[in-house]
Amino acid sequence: YEVLHMGNNVKPTLFIHQMQKFSPQVIILICQGNIDYIKQLIGVIREKDLRSMARIILYGPEVEEAVRDEVHADAYAANEQDLCDMVCAIMEETFL
């Protein structure tokens, strides 16, 4: 897989630019107490009609279904194994 690491709390305009440039199938947003930022970022992705481009997975030990629903993500993973399994399944769906 090709991975583009954007860093922490990237400005939404830069994030959107990179989405348009790279057309990702999966976006992983690491949750470290920054739920408001994630909610805002996903809102901008929706406003720009890019939401259907990629599956958005929230990752973090304290993430749960309620947070996923609040920010309008597709899935959440509390540990690395679950995250890897989700990404592999999405990529298999996309390319097989």
PDB file of N, CA and C in Angstrom:
ATOM      1  N   TYR A   1       0.828  -1.181   0.000  1.00  0.00           N
ATOM      2  CA  TYR A   1       0.000   0.000   0.000  1.00  0.00           C
ATOM      3  C   TYR A   1       0.869   1.239   0.000  1.00  0.00           C
ATOM      4  N   GLU A   2       0.359   2.270  -0.589  1.00  0.00           N
ATOM      5  CA  GLU A   2       1.045   3.562  -0.556  1.00  0.00           C
ATOM      6  C   GLU A   2       0.440   4.381   0.574  1.00  0.00           C
ATOM      7  N   VAL A   3       1.279   4.956   1.413  1.00  0.00           N
ATOM      8  CA  VAL A   3       0.815   5.706   2.573  1.00  0.00           C
ATOM      9  C   VAL A   3       1.325   7.135   2.482  1.00  0.00           C
ATOM     10  N   LEU A   4       0.430   8.068   2.746  1.00  0.00           N
ATOM     11  CA  LEU A   4       0.803   9.480   2.830  1.00  0.00           C
ATOM     12  C   LEU A   4       0.485   9.934   4.242  1.00  0.00           C
ATOM     13  N   HIS A   5       1.511  10.286   4.997  1.00  0.00           N
ATOM     14  CA  HIS A   5       1.323  10.759   6.362  1.00  0.00           C
ATOM     15  C   HIS A   5       1.259  12.277   6.333  1.00  0.00           C
ATOM     16  N   MET A   6       0.142  12.822   6.806  1.00  0.00           N
ATOM     17  CA  MET A   6      -0.060  14.269   6.738  1.00  0.00           C
ATOM     18  C   MET A   6       0.375  14.992   8.013  1.00  0.00           C
ATOM     19  N   GLY A   7       0.578  14.278   9.105  1.00  0.00           N
ATOM     20  CA  GLY A   7       0.944  14.937  10.347  1.00  0.00           C
ATOM     21  C   GLY A   7      -0.271  15.202  11.219  1.00  0.00           C
ATOM     22  N   ASN A   8      -0.086  16.015  12.228  1.00  0.00           N
ATOM     23  CA  ASN A   8      -1.162  16.297  13.186  1.00  0.00           C
ATOM     24  C   ASN A   8      -1.839  17.626  12.885  1.00  0.00           C
ATOM     25  N   ASN A   9      -3.152  17.636  13.005  1.00  0.00           N
ATOM     26  CA  ASN A   9      -3.952  18.859  12.867  1.00  0.00           C
ATOM     27  C   ASN A   9      -3.595  19.674  11.628  1.00  0.00           C
ATOM     28  N   VAL A  10      -3.537  19.013  10.504  1.00  0.00           N
ATOM     29  CA  VAL A  10      -3.252  19.661   9.231  1.00  0.00           C
ATOM     30  C   VAL A  10      -4.426  20.559   8.870  1.00  0.00           C
ATOM     31  N   LYS A  11      -4.153  21.718   8.293  1.00  0.00           N
ATOM     32  CA  LYS A  11      -5.229  22.619   7.885  1.00  0.00           C
ATOM     33  C   LYS A  11      -6.139  21.901   6.895  1.00  0.00           C
ATOM     34  N   PRO A  12      -7.446  22.058   7.061  1.00  0.00           N
ATOM     35  CA  PRO A  12      -8.380  21.379   6.154  1.00  0.00           C
ATOM     36  C   PRO A  12      -8.136  21.671   4.676  1.00  0.00           C
ATOM     37  N   THR A  13      -7.711  22.871   4.337  1.00  0.00           N
ATOM     38  CA  THR A  13      -7.458  23.190   2.921  1.00  0.00           C
ATOM     39  C   THR A  13      -6.327  22.334   2.355  1.00  0.00           C
ATOM     40  N   LEU A  14      -5.271  22.126   3.132  1.00  0.00           N
ATOM     41  CA  LEU A  14      -4.170  21.275   2.679  1.00  0.00           C
ATOM     42  C   LEU A  14      -4.633  19.823   2.589  1.00  0.00           C
ATOM     43  N   PHE A  15      -5.415  19.387   3.558  1.00  0.00           N
ATOM     44  CA  PHE A  15      -5.928  18.020   3.556  1.00  0.00           C
ATOM     45  C   PHE A  15      -6.762  17.775   2.301  1.00  0.00           C
ATOM     46  N   ILE A  16      -7.651  18.703   1.971  1.00  0.00           N
ATOM     47  CA  ILE A  16      -8.500  18.584   0.781  1.00  0.00           C
ATOM     48  C   ILE A  16      -7.641  18.560  -0.481  1.00  0.00           C
ATOM     49  N   HIS A  17      -6.659  19.422  -0.539  1.00  0.00           N
ATOM     50  CA  HIS A  17      -5.752  19.446  -1.697  1.00  0.00           C
ATOM     51  C   HIS A  17      -5.078  18.089  -1.878  1.00  0.00           C
ATOM     52  N   GLN A  18      -4.601  17.498  -0.800  1.00  0.00           N
ATOM     53  CA  GLN A  18      -3.924  16.208  -0.886  1.00  0.00           C
ATOM     54  C   GLN A  18      -4.912  15.092  -1.258  1.00  0.00           C
ATOM     55  N   MET A  19      -6.149  15.184  -0.777  1.00  0.00           N
ATOM     56  CA  MET A  19      -7.160  14.194  -1.180  1.00  0.00           C
ATOM     57  C   MET A  19      -7.394  14.256  -2.689  1.00  0.00           C
ATOM     58  N   GLN A  20      -7.518  15.470  -3.209  1.00  0.00           N
ATOM     59  CA  GLN A  20      -7.761  15.627  -4.640  1.00  0.00           C
ATOM     60  C   GLN A  20      -6.568  15.144  -5.453  1.00  0.00           C
ATOM     61  N   LYS A  21      -5.386  15.345  -4.937  1.00  0.00           N
ATOM     62  CA  LYS A  21      -4.168  14.958  -5.651  1.00  0.00           C
ATOM     63  C   LYS A  21      -3.947  13.446  -5.638  1.00  0.00           C
ATOM     64  N   PHE A  22      -4.189  12.787  -4.497  1.00  0.00           N
ATOM     65  CA  PHE A  22      -3.834  11.382  -4.336  1.00  0.00           C
ATOM     66  C   PHE A  22      -5.010  10.400  -4.410  1.00  0.00           C
ATOM     67  N   SER A  23      -6.244  10.869  -4.323  1.00  0.00           N
ATOM     68  CA  SER A  23      -7.446  10.004  -4.390  1.00  0.00           C
ATOM     69  C   SER A  23      -7.332   8.779  -3.487  1.00  0.00           C
ATOM     70  N   PRO A  24      -7.279   8.969  -2.180  1.00  0.00           N
ATOM     71  CA  PRO A  24      -7.109   7.828  -1.277  1.00  0.00           C
ATOM     72  C   PRO A  24      -8.348   6.947  -1.210  1.00  0.00           C
ATOM     73  N   GLN A  25      -8.134   5.665  -0.937  1.00  0.00           N
ATOM     74  CA  GLN A  25      -9.249   4.756  -0.690  1.00  0.00           C
ATOM     75  C   GLN A  25      -9.597   4.703   0.802  1.00  0.00           C
ATOM     76  N   VAL A  26      -8.594   4.971   1.638  1.00  0.00           N
ATOM     77  CA  VAL A  26      -8.768   4.919   3.084  1.00  0.00           C
ATOM     78  C   VAL A  26      -8.107   6.143   3.707  1.00  0.00           C
ATOM     79  N   ILE A  27      -8.806   6.732   4.667  1.00  0.00           N
ATOM     80  CA  ILE A  27      -8.240   7.822   5.465  1.00  0.00           C
ATOM     81  C   ILE A  27      -8.310   7.377   6.915  1.00  0.00           C
ATOM     82  N   ILE A  28      -7.176   7.416   7.588  1.00  0.00           N
ATOM     83  CA  ILE A  28      -7.120   7.056   9.002  1.00  0.00           C
ATOM     84  C   ILE A  28      -6.873   8.337   9.793  1.00  0.00           C
ATOM     85  N   LEU A  29      -7.783   8.650  10.686  1.00  0.00           N
ATOM     86  CA  LEU A  29      -7.636   9.834  11.531  1.00  0.00           C
ATOM     87  C   LEU A  29      -7.378   9.366  12.951  1.00  0.00           C
ATOM     88  N   ILE A  30      -6.234   9.741  13.484  1.00  0.00           N
ATOM     89  CA  ILE A  30      -5.850   9.328  14.831  1.00  0.00           C
ATOM     90  C   ILE A  30      -6.508  10.257  15.842  1.00  0.00           C
ATOM     91  N   CYS A  31      -7.253   9.678  16.755  1.00  0.00           N
ATOM     92  CA  CYS A  31      -7.990  10.449  17.758  1.00  0.00           C
ATOM     93  C   CYS A  31      -7.178  10.541  19.038  1.00  0.00           C
ATOM     94  N   GLN A  32      -6.770  11.750  19.336  1.00  0.00           N
ATOM     95  CA  GLN A  32      -6.019  12.001  20.570  1.00  0.00           C
ATOM     96  C   GLN A  32      -6.614  13.223  21.250  1.00  0.00           C
ATOM     97  N   GLY A  33      -7.905  13.159  21.541  1.00  0.00           N
ATOM     98  CA  GLY A  33      -8.574  14.284  22.179  1.00  0.00           C
ATOM     99  C   GLY A  33      -8.894  15.417  21.222  1.00  0.00           C
ATOM    100  N   ASN A  34      -8.837  15.159  19.922  1.00  0.00           N
ATOM    101  CA  ASN A  34      -9.062  16.205  18.928  1.00  0.00           C
ATOM    102  C   ASN A  34     -10.345  15.968  18.125  1.00  0.00           C
ATOM    103  N   ILE A  35     -11.396  15.553  18.818  1.00  0.00           N
ATOM    104  CA  ILE A  35     -12.654  15.191  18.158  1.00  0.00           C
ATOM    105  C   ILE A  35     -13.250  16.387  17.411  1.00  0.00           C
ATOM    106  N   ASP A  36     -13.182  17.573  17.981  1.00  0.00           N
ATOM    107  CA  ASP A  36     -13.738  18.752  17.299  1.00  0.00           C
ATOM    108  C   ASP A  36     -13.028  19.006  15.977  1.00  0.00           C
ATOM    109  N   TYR A  37     -11.704  18.858  15.956  1.00  0.00           N
ATOM    110  CA  TYR A  37     -10.951  19.029  14.712  1.00  0.00           C
ATOM    111  C   TYR A  37     -11.373  17.980  13.684  1.00  0.00           C
ATOM    112  N   ILE A  38     -11.496  16.735  14.115  1.00  0.00           N
ATOM    113  CA  ILE A  38     -11.876  15.648  13.205  1.00  0.00           C
ATOM    114  C   ILE A  38     -13.274  15.897  12.647  1.00  0.00           C
ATOM    115  N   LYS A  39     -14.184  16.326  13.508  1.00  0.00           N
ATOM    116  CA  LYS A  39     -15.547  16.633  13.071  1.00  0.00           C
ATOM    117  C   LYS A  39     -15.526  17.752  12.028  1.00  0.00           C
ATOM    118  N   GLN A  40     -14.742  18.783  12.277  1.00  0.00           N
ATOM    119  CA  GLN A  40     -14.615  19.895  11.329  1.00  0.00           C
ATOM    120  C   GLN A  40     -14.017  19.406  10.009  1.00  0.00           C
ATOM    121  N   LEU A  41     -12.971  18.606  10.075  1.00  0.00           N
ATOM    122  CA  LEU A  41     -12.303  18.115   8.866  1.00  0.00           C
ATOM    123  C   LEU A  41     -13.249  17.270   8.012  1.00  0.00           C
ATOM    124  N   ILE A  42     -13.970  16.357   8.634  1.00  0.00           N
ATOM    125  CA  ILE A  42     -14.911  15.532   7.891  1.00  0.00           C
ATOM    126  C   ILE A  42     -16.032  16.404   7.316  1.00  0.00           C
ATOM    127  N   GLY A  43     -16.426  17.442   8.036  1.00  0.00           N
ATOM    128  CA  GLY A  43     -17.420  18.386   7.516  1.00  0.00           C
ATOM    129  C   GLY A  43     -16.935  19.076   6.248  1.00  0.00           C
ATOM    130  N   VAL A  44     -15.683  19.487   6.227  1.00  0.00           N
ATOM    131  CA  VAL A  44     -15.108  20.122   5.036  1.00  0.00           C
ATOM    132  C   VAL A  44     -15.027  19.117   3.889  1.00  0.00           C
ATOM    133  N   ILE A  45     -14.641  17.892   4.188  1.00  0.00           N
ATOM    134  CA  ILE A  45     -14.582  16.843   3.157  1.00  0.00           C
ATOM    135  C   ILE A  45     -15.974  16.661   2.541  1.00  0.00           C
ATOM    136  N   ARG A  46     -17.006  16.679   3.368  1.00  0.00           N
ATOM    137  CA  ARG A  46     -18.378  16.543   2.871  1.00  0.00           C
ATOM    138  C   ARG A  46     -18.781  17.747   2.027  1.00  0.00           C
ATOM    139  N   GLU A  47     -18.439  18.954   2.494  1.00  0.00           N
ATOM    140  CA  GLU A  47     -18.776  20.186   1.760  1.00  0.00           C
ATOM    141  C   GLU A  47     -18.159  20.195   0.364  1.00  0.00           C
ATOM    142  N   LYS A  48     -16.982  19.625   0.236  1.00  0.00           N
ATOM    143  CA  LYS A  48     -16.267  19.607  -1.047  1.00  0.00           C
ATOM    144  C   LYS A  48     -16.655  18.404  -1.908  1.00  0.00           C
ATOM    145  N   ASP A  49     -17.686  17.668  -1.492  1.00  0.00           N
ATOM    146  CA  ASP A  49     -18.182  16.492  -2.219  1.00  0.00           C
ATOM    147  C   ASP A  49     -17.107  15.427  -2.435  1.00  0.00           C
ATOM    148  N   LEU A  50     -16.245  15.244  -1.444  1.00  0.00           N
ATOM    149  CA  LEU A  50     -15.182  14.235  -1.524  1.00  0.00           C
ATOM    150  C   LEU A  50     -15.443  13.069  -0.571  1.00  0.00           C
ATOM    151  N   ARG A  51     -16.545  13.108   0.150  1.00  0.00           N
ATOM    152  CA  ARG A  51     -16.790  12.102   1.183  1.00  0.00           C
ATOM    153  C   ARG A  51     -16.872  10.692   0.626  1.00  0.00           C
ATOM    154  N   SER A  52     -17.409  10.535  -0.584  1.00  0.00           N
ATOM    155  CA  SER A  52     -17.548   9.191  -1.151  1.00  0.00           C
ATOM    156  C   SER A  52     -16.232   8.642  -1.709  1.00  0.00           C
ATOM    157  N   MET A  53     -15.199   9.468  -1.745  1.00  0.00           N
ATOM    158  CA  MET A  53     -13.905   9.063  -2.296  1.00  0.00           C
ATOM    159  C   MET A  53     -13.221   7.992  -1.447  1.00  0.00           C
ATOM    160  N   ALA A  54     -13.340   8.104  -0.123  1.00  0.00           N
ATOM    161  CA  ALA A  54     -12.560   7.229   0.757  1.00  0.00           C
ATOM    162  C   ALA A  54     -13.366   6.821   1.981  1.00  0.00           C
ATOM    163  N   ARG A  55     -13.007   5.686   2.529  1.00  0.00           N
ATOM    164  CA  ARG A  55     -13.551   5.260   3.814  1.00  0.00           C
ATOM    165  C   ARG A  55     -12.719   5.937   4.904  1.00  0.00           C
ATOM    166  N   ILE A  56     -13.388   6.472   5.892  1.00  0.00           N
ATOM    167  CA  ILE A  56     -12.704   7.153   6.988  1.00  0.00           C
ATOM    168  C   ILE A  56     -12.771   6.273   8.230  1.00  0.00           C
ATOM    169  N   ILE A  57     -11.590   5.964   8.762  1.00  0.00           N
ATOM    170  CA  ILE A  57     -11.479   5.147   9.969  1.00  0.00           C
ATOM    171  C   ILE A  57     -10.868   5.998  11.076  1.00  0.00           C
ATOM    172  N   LEU A  58     -11.513   6.022  12.220  1.00  0.00           N
ATOM    173  CA  LEU A  58     -10.957   6.675  13.399  1.00  0.00           C
ATOM    174  C   LEU A  58     -10.120   5.647  14.147  1.00  0.00           C
ATOM    175  N   TYR A  59      -8.970   6.078  14.640  1.00  0.00           N
ATOM    176  CA  TYR A  59      -8.086   5.158  15.346  1.00  0.00           C
ATOM    177  C   TYR A  59      -7.673   5.757  16.678  1.00  0.00           C
ATOM    178  N   GLY A  60      -7.809   4.980  17.725  1.00  0.00           N
ATOM    179  CA  GLY A  60      -7.365   5.403  19.043  1.00  0.00           C
ATOM    180  C   GLY A  60      -7.953   4.519  20.119  1.00  0.00           C
ATOM    181  N   PRO A  61      -7.257   4.370  21.220  1.00  0.00           N
ATOM    182  CA  PRO A  61      -7.693   3.446  22.265  1.00  0.00           C
ATOM    183  C   PRO A  61      -9.000   3.846  22.940  1.00  0.00           C
ATOM    184  N   GLU A  62      -9.378   5.104  22.863  1.00  0.00           N
ATOM    185  CA  GLU A  62     -10.601   5.545  23.532  1.00  0.00           C
ATOM    186  C   GLU A  62     -11.739   5.820  22.553  1.00  0.00           C
ATOM    187  N   VAL A  63     -11.569   5.445  21.301  1.00  0.00           N
ATOM    188  CA  VAL A  63     -12.603   5.682  20.307  1.00  0.00           C
ATOM    189  C   VAL A  63     -13.665   4.589  20.420  1.00  0.00           C
ATOM    190  N   GLU A  64     -14.904   4.994  20.286  1.00  0.00           N
ATOM    191  CA  GLU A  64     -16.009   4.038  20.347  1.00  0.00           C
ATOM    192  C   GLU A  64     -17.071   4.434  19.325  1.00  0.00           C
ATOM    193  N   GLU A  65     -18.096   3.620  19.251  1.00  0.00           N
ATOM    194  CA  GLU A  65     -19.137   3.799  18.235  1.00  0.00           C
ATOM    195  C   GLU A  65     -19.791   5.182  18.295  1.00  0.00           C
ATOM    196  N   ALA A  66     -20.016   5.705  19.485  1.00  0.00           N
ATOM    197  CA  ALA A  66     -20.657   7.016  19.632  1.00  0.00           C
ATOM    198  C   ALA A  66     -19.806   8.121  18.990  1.00  0.00           C
ATOM    199  N   VAL A  67     -18.504   8.029  19.155  1.00  0.00           N
ATOM    200  CA  VAL A  67     -17.604   9.021  18.542  1.00  0.00           C
ATOM    201  C   VAL A  67     -17.652   8.880  17.029  1.00  0.00           C
ATOM    202  N   ARG A  68     -17.589   7.648  16.533  1.00  0.00           N
ATOM    203  CA  ARG A  68     -17.675   7.404  15.088  1.00  0.00           C
ATOM    204  C   ARG A  68     -18.935   8.043  14.515  1.00  0.00           C
ATOM    205  N   ASP A  69     -20.055   7.834  15.192  1.00  0.00           N
ATOM    206  CA  ASP A  69     -21.327   8.387  14.726  1.00  0.00           C
ATOM    207  C   ASP A  69     -21.333   9.915  14.782  1.00  0.00           C
ATOM    208  N   GLU A  70     -20.763  10.473  15.839  1.00  0.00           N
ATOM    209  CA  GLU A  70     -20.749  11.930  16.023  1.00  0.00           C
ATOM    210  C   GLU A  70     -19.987  12.639  14.902  1.00  0.00           C
ATOM    211  N   VAL A  71     -18.874  12.060  14.461  1.00  0.00           N
ATOM    212  CA  VAL A  71     -18.048  12.732  13.447  1.00  0.00           C
ATOM    213  C   VAL A  71     -18.343  12.251  12.026  1.00  0.00           C
ATOM    214  N   HIS A  72     -19.241  11.272  11.895  1.00  0.00           N
ATOM    215  CA  HIS A  72     -19.642  10.725  10.587  1.00  0.00           C
ATOM    216  C   HIS A  72     -18.515   9.972   9.885  1.00  0.00           C
ATOM    217  N   ALA A  73     -17.780   9.177  10.664  1.00  0.00           N
ATOM    218  CA  ALA A  73     -16.756   8.302  10.083  1.00  0.00           C
ATOM    219  C   ALA A  73     -17.408   6.973   9.712  1.00  0.00           C
ATOM    220  N   ASP A  74     -16.687   6.160   8.941  1.00  0.00           N
ATOM    221  CA  ASP A  74     -17.212   4.861   8.522  1.00  0.00           C
ATOM    222  C   ASP A  74     -16.968   3.769   9.547  1.00  0.00           C
ATOM    223  N   ALA A  75     -15.859   3.850  10.267  1.00  0.00           N
ATOM    224  CA  ALA A  75     -15.489   2.792  11.199  1.00  0.00           C
ATOM    225  C   ALA A  75     -14.547   3.361  12.253  1.00  0.00           C
ATOM    226  N   TYR A  76     -14.280   2.543  13.247  1.00  0.00           N
ATOM    227  CA  TYR A  76     -13.298   2.922  14.261  1.00  0.00           C
ATOM    228  C   TYR A  76     -12.526   1.681  14.682  1.00  0.00           C
ATOM    229  N   ALA A  77     -11.307   1.893  15.110  1.00  0.00           N
ATOM    230  CA  ALA A  77     -10.454   0.813  15.581  1.00  0.00           C
ATOM    231  C   ALA A  77      -9.749   1.279  16.854  1.00  0.00           C
ATOM    232  N   ALA A  78      -9.816   0.456  17.874  1.00  0.00           N
ATOM    233  CA  ALA A  78      -9.191   0.805  19.147  1.00  0.00           C
ATOM    234  C   ALA A  78      -7.764   0.293  19.251  1.00  0.00           C
ATOM    235  N   ASN A  79      -7.387  -0.648  18.345  1.00  0.00           N
ATOM    236  CA  ASN A  79      -6.032  -1.180  18.422  1.00  0.00           C
ATOM    237  C   ASN A  79      -5.472  -1.390  17.015  1.00  0.00           C
ATOM    238  N   GLU A  80      -4.175  -1.609  16.951  1.00  0.00           N
ATOM    239  CA  GLU A  80      -3.483  -1.731  15.661  1.00  0.00           C
ATOM    240  C   GLU A  80      -3.957  -2.913  14.837  1.00  0.00           C
ATOM    241  N   GLN A  81      -4.220  -4.034  15.472  1.00  0.00           N
ATOM    242  CA  GLN A  81      -4.656  -5.218  14.730  1.00  0.00           C
ATOM    243  C   GLN A  81      -5.994  -4.983  14.049  1.00  0.00           C
ATOM    244  N   ASP A  82      -6.944  -4.400  14.779  1.00  0.00           N
ATOM    245  CA  ASP A  82      -8.250  -4.099  14.175  1.00  0.00           C
ATOM    246  C   ASP A  82      -8.097  -3.116  13.016  1.00  0.00           C
ATOM    247  N   LEU A  83      -7.239  -2.133  13.195  1.00  0.00           N
ATOM    248  CA  LEU A  83      -7.007  -1.153  12.143  1.00  0.00           C
ATOM    249  C   LEU A  83      -6.433  -1.820  10.897  1.00  0.00           C
ATOM    250  N   CYS A  84      -5.420  -2.648  11.075  1.00  0.00           N
ATOM    251  CA  CYS A  84      -4.816  -3.357   9.938  1.00  0.00           C
ATOM    252  C   CYS A  84      -5.826  -4.251   9.238  1.00  0.00           C
ATOM    253  N   ASP A  85      -6.632  -4.958  10.014  1.00  0.00           N
ATOM    254  CA  ASP A  85      -7.650  -5.835   9.430  1.00  0.00           C
ATOM    255  C   ASP A  85      -8.652  -5.033   8.601  1.00  0.00           C
ATOM    256  N   MET A  86      -9.079  -3.874   9.116  1.00  0.00           N
ATOM    257  CA  MET A  86     -10.037  -3.035   8.380  1.00  0.00           C
ATOM    258  C   MET A  86      -9.448  -2.520   7.081  1.00  0.00           C
ATOM    259  N   VAL A  87      -8.233  -2.009   7.146  1.00  0.00           N
ATOM    260  CA  VAL A  87      -7.591  -1.472   5.943  1.00  0.00           C
ATOM    261  C   VAL A  87      -7.417  -2.577   4.904  1.00  0.00           C
ATOM    262  N   CYS A  88      -6.970  -3.750   5.322  1.00  0.00           N
ATOM    263  CA  CYS A  88      -6.805  -4.870   4.384  1.00  0.00           C
ATOM    264  C   CYS A  88      -8.132  -5.248   3.743  1.00  0.00           C
ATOM    265  N   ALA A  89      -9.193  -5.296   4.532  1.00  0.00           N
ATOM    266  CA  ALA A  89     -10.500  -5.653   3.983  1.00  0.00           C
ATOM    267  C   ALA A  89     -10.984  -4.610   2.974  1.00  0.00           C
ATOM    268  N   ILE A  90     -10.798  -3.347   3.279  1.00  0.00           N
ATOM    269  CA  ILE A  90     -11.201  -2.280   2.350  1.00  0.00           C
ATOM    270  C   ILE A  90     -10.402  -2.358   1.061  1.00  0.00           C
ATOM    271  N   MET A  91      -9.109  -2.587   1.173  1.00  0.00           N
ATOM    272  CA  MET A  91      -8.270  -2.648  -0.025  1.00  0.00           C
ATOM    273  C   MET A  91      -8.624  -3.880  -0.864  1.00  0.00           C
ATOM    274  N   GLU A  92      -8.945  -4.986  -0.221  1.00  0.00           N
ATOM    275  CA  GLU A  92      -9.367  -6.179  -0.957  1.00  0.00           C
ATOM    276  C   GLU A  92     -10.670  -5.921  -1.715  1.00  0.00           C
ATOM    277  N   GLU A  93     -11.618  -5.244  -1.053  1.00  0.00           N
ATOM    278  CA  GLU A  93     -12.879  -4.889  -1.707  1.00  0.00           C
ATOM    279  C   GLU A  93     -12.624  -3.996  -2.921  1.00  0.00           C
ATOM    280  N   THR A  94     -11.718  -3.061  -2.755  1.00  0.00           N
ATOM    281  CA  THR A  94     -11.443  -2.074  -3.796  1.00  0.00           C
ATOM    282  C   THR A  94     -10.760  -2.680  -5.005  1.00  0.00           C
ATOM    283  N   PHE A  95      -9.825  -3.596  -4.767  1.00  0.00           N
ATOM    284  CA  PHE A  95      -8.981  -4.074  -5.864  1.00  0.00           C
ATOM    285  C   PHE A  95      -9.270  -5.502  -6.338  1.00  0.00           C
ATOM    286  N   LEU A  96     -10.180  -6.214  -5.692  1.00  0.00           N
ATOM    287  CA  LEU A  96     -10.495  -7.570  -6.139  1.00  0.00           C
ATOM    288  C   LEU A  96     -11.843  -7.639  -6.794  1.00  0.00           C
TER     289      LEU A  96
END
